[in-house]
Protein backbone atom coordinates (compact mmCIF):
# COMPACT_ATOMS: atom_id res chain seq x y z
CA MET A 1 13.26 8.90 13.32
CA LYS A 2 16.11 10.19 15.23
CA ASN A 3 19.10 12.57 13.85
CA ILE A 4 21.85 10.03 13.27
CA ALA A 5 24.13 10.93 10.28
CA TYR A 6 24.45 7.07 8.83
CA GLN A 7 20.56 7.00 9.07
CA GLN A 8 19.74 10.67 7.19
CA LYS A 9 22.84 10.04 5.08
CA ALA A 10 20.86 6.42 3.91
CA VAL A 11 17.49 7.77 3.50
CA LYS A 12 18.31 10.80 1.36
CA GLU A 13 20.34 8.44 -0.77
CA LEU A 14 17.47 5.91 -1.15
CA VAL A 15 14.92 8.26 -2.18
CA GLY A 16 17.48 9.89 -4.80
CA LYS A 17 18.10 6.66 -5.76
CA THR A 18 14.54 5.64 -6.23
CA ILE A 19 13.73 8.47 -7.92
CA ASP A 20 16.41 8.16 -10.33
CA LEU A 21 15.03 4.48 -11.02
CA LEU A 22 11.75 5.36 -11.17
CA SER A 23 12.52 7.29 -14.26
CA LEU A 24 14.47 4.45 -16.29
CA SER A 25 11.99 3.04 -18.83
CA GLY A 26 11.49 -0.88 -18.08
CA ASN A 27 9.82 -2.50 -15.01
CA ARG A 28 12.87 -3.97 -13.49
CA HIS A 29 15.08 -1.77 -11.78
CA ILE A 30 17.38 -3.05 -8.43
CA LEU A 31 18.42 -0.70 -5.42
CA VAL A 32 20.07 -2.69 -2.49
CA PHE A 33 19.56 -1.44 0.92
CA LYS A 34 22.19 -3.63 3.06
CA SER A 35 23.08 -2.56 6.38
CA PRO A 36 23.17 -4.25 9.40
CA THR A 37 21.84 -6.11 12.32
CA GLY A 38 19.85 -3.48 14.99
CA SER A 39 20.99 -0.59 12.74
CA GLY A 40 17.13 0.78 12.15
CA LYS A 41 16.69 -0.41 8.77
CA THR A 42 13.31 -0.44 8.73
CA VAL A 43 12.76 3.28 10.27
CA MET A 44 14.99 3.97 7.42
CA ALA A 45 12.79 2.55 4.71
CA SER A 46 9.93 3.65 6.97
CA GLU A 47 11.29 7.35 6.76
CA MET A 48 12.87 6.87 3.29
CA LEU A 49 9.11 5.83 1.42
CA MET A 50 7.47 9.23 3.92
CA ARG A 51 10.21 11.44 2.06
CA LEU A 52 9.43 9.73 -1.35
CA ASN A 53 5.91 9.88 -1.05
CA ASN A 54 6.30 13.73 0.12
CA GLU A 55 9.19 14.14 -2.71
CA LEU A 56 7.11 12.35 -5.63
CA ILE A 57 4.52 14.63 -5.10
CA GLU A 58 6.62 18.01 -4.49
CA ARG A 59 9.51 17.79 -7.49
CA PRO A 60 8.40 19.16 -10.53
CA ASP A 61 10.42 16.26 -12.05
CA SER A 62 9.10 13.82 -10.81
CA PRO A 63 8.13 10.91 -13.20
CA TYR A 64 4.90 10.48 -11.32
CA THR A 65 2.69 11.29 -7.90
CA GLU A 66 1.19 8.64 -6.57
CA VAL A 67 3.01 5.10 -6.22
CA ALA A 68 1.65 1.15 -4.69
CA TYR A 69 4.01 -0.09 -2.25
CA ILE A 70 4.83 -3.54 -1.81
CA TRP A 71 7.30 -5.33 0.81
CA ILE A 72 8.46 -9.11 0.89
CA ALA A 73 10.15 -10.44 3.61
CA PRO A 74 11.07 -13.69 4.65
CA ASN A 75 9.69 -15.93 7.62
CA LYS A 76 7.27 -14.09 9.70
CA LEU A 77 9.84 -10.30 8.75
CA HIS A 78 6.82 -8.94 7.03
CA GLU A 79 4.70 -9.16 9.93
CA GLN A 80 6.94 -7.15 11.87
CA SER A 81 8.03 -4.60 9.31
CA TYR A 82 3.83 -4.06 9.63
CA PHE A 83 3.23 -3.35 12.71
CA LYS A 84 6.62 -1.61 12.96
CA MET A 85 5.25 1.01 9.92
CA LYS A 86 1.67 0.93 10.92
CA ASN A 87 2.83 1.99 14.28
CA TYR A 88 5.24 4.32 12.09
CA PHE A 89 2.39 6.00 10.26
CA THR A 90 0.49 6.43 12.54
CA GLU A 91 -0.11 10.28 12.78
CA THR A 92 1.61 10.54 9.76
CA LYS A 93 -1.18 9.17 7.71
CA VAL A 94 1.07 9.69 5.07
CA LEU A 95 1.57 5.79 4.01
CA ARG A 96 -0.75 3.23 5.04
CA PRO A 97 0.45 -0.70 5.58
CA VAL A 98 -1.95 -3.09 4.92
CA ILE A 99 -1.61 -7.26 4.63
CA TYR A 100 -3.40 -8.97 1.99
CA ASP A 101 -6.13 -9.61 3.80
CA GLU A 102 -7.07 -5.99 3.94
CA LEU A 103 -7.22 -5.62 0.33
CA ASP A 104 -9.99 -4.99 -1.61
CA HIS A 105 -10.08 -8.85 -3.47
CA SER A 106 -12.87 -8.19 -5.70
CA ILE A 107 -12.61 -7.92 -9.48
CA ASP A 108 -12.14 -3.89 -9.20
CA GLY A 109 -9.43 -4.41 -6.48
CA TYR A 110 -5.98 -3.33 -6.15
CA ILE A 111 -3.34 -1.58 -4.24
CA LYS A 112 -3.94 2.20 -3.44
CA SER A 113 -1.54 5.01 -3.98
CA GLY A 114 -0.09 5.29 -0.71
CA GLU A 115 -0.18 1.53 -0.14
CA ILE A 116 2.79 -0.41 1.57
CA LEU A 117 1.42 -4.35 0.93
CA PHE A 118 3.27 -6.29 3.12
CA VAL A 119 3.77 -9.90 1.48
CA ASN A 120 5.09 -13.11 3.34
CA TRP A 121 8.14 -14.47 0.46
CA GLU A 122 7.40 -17.89 1.34
CA SER A 123 3.76 -17.50 0.74
CA ILE A 124 4.54 -16.41 -3.40
CA ASN A 125 7.31 -18.47 -3.95
CA LYS A 126 6.28 -21.77 -4.33
CA ASP A 127 3.58 -22.70 -7.20
CA ASN A 128 0.57 -23.63 -5.00
CA ALA A 129 0.59 -20.24 -2.56
CA ILE A 130 -2.61 -19.13 -2.08
CA MET A 131 -2.12 -15.58 -3.76
CA ILE A 132 -0.28 -16.48 -6.53
CA ARG A 133 -3.47 -19.40 -7.18
CA ASP A 134 -6.13 -18.04 -9.36
CA THR A 135 -9.63 -17.58 -8.61
CA GLU A 136 -13.15 -16.59 -9.34
CA LEU A 137 -12.08 -13.14 -7.70
CA SER A 138 -9.03 -12.62 -9.71
CA ALA A 139 -7.33 -12.06 -6.00
CA SER A 140 -4.27 -13.53 -6.57
CA LEU A 141 -1.53 -10.91 -5.97
CA TYR A 142 -1.30 -11.27 -10.03
CA ASP A 143 -3.98 -9.80 -10.79
CA ILE A 144 -4.12 -6.94 -7.72
CA THR A 145 -0.64 -5.85 -9.48
CA ARG A 146 -2.07 -5.62 -12.44
CA ARG A 147 -4.79 -3.65 -12.34
CA THR A 148 -2.61 -1.04 -10.04
CA GLN A 149 -0.06 -0.81 -12.50
CA VAL A 150 -2.28 -0.77 -16.16
CA ASP A 151 -5.80 -0.64 -14.77
CA ASN A 152 -5.33 2.48 -12.67
CA GLY A 153 -1.88 3.32 -13.89
CA ILE A 154 -0.28 3.39 -10.61
CA PRO A 155 3.13 2.30 -9.93
CA ILE A 156 4.42 -0.10 -7.71
CA VAL A 157 8.06 -0.01 -5.68
CA VAL A 158 8.70 -3.21 -4.63
CA ILE A 159 11.05 -3.58 -1.36
């Protein structure tokens, strides 16, 4: 990420606020990140996730040391973000962007710590969506999320 003051400030604030929200009890806490088109939201989000991941490991007051992520975007933006982040994390390997097809869909499959699962909003926002239907393998997004959080004890940050 370039050393642009507003981006650096936004990333620092997002990391701090996310750690604060992870410290709260309950499952759903909302943090809104708004920025104009062309401001570098995906780059800032990539940097934020990398720094968040590092801070959770390094800070003694962190509520967790491991976190998995789900990135939900409309239209084809989840693919655009997936490819940008895959490129962004190619060198550092701090986080691993994945799409639904790359996940382990076995009965034991889950989102691993440090993975960012990219999901299309339309693919989960309707009753007959493949990703939310019950299957013999229990491979719906709900099943995978449950196994991640409950069976493996890894909290999920939804972006």
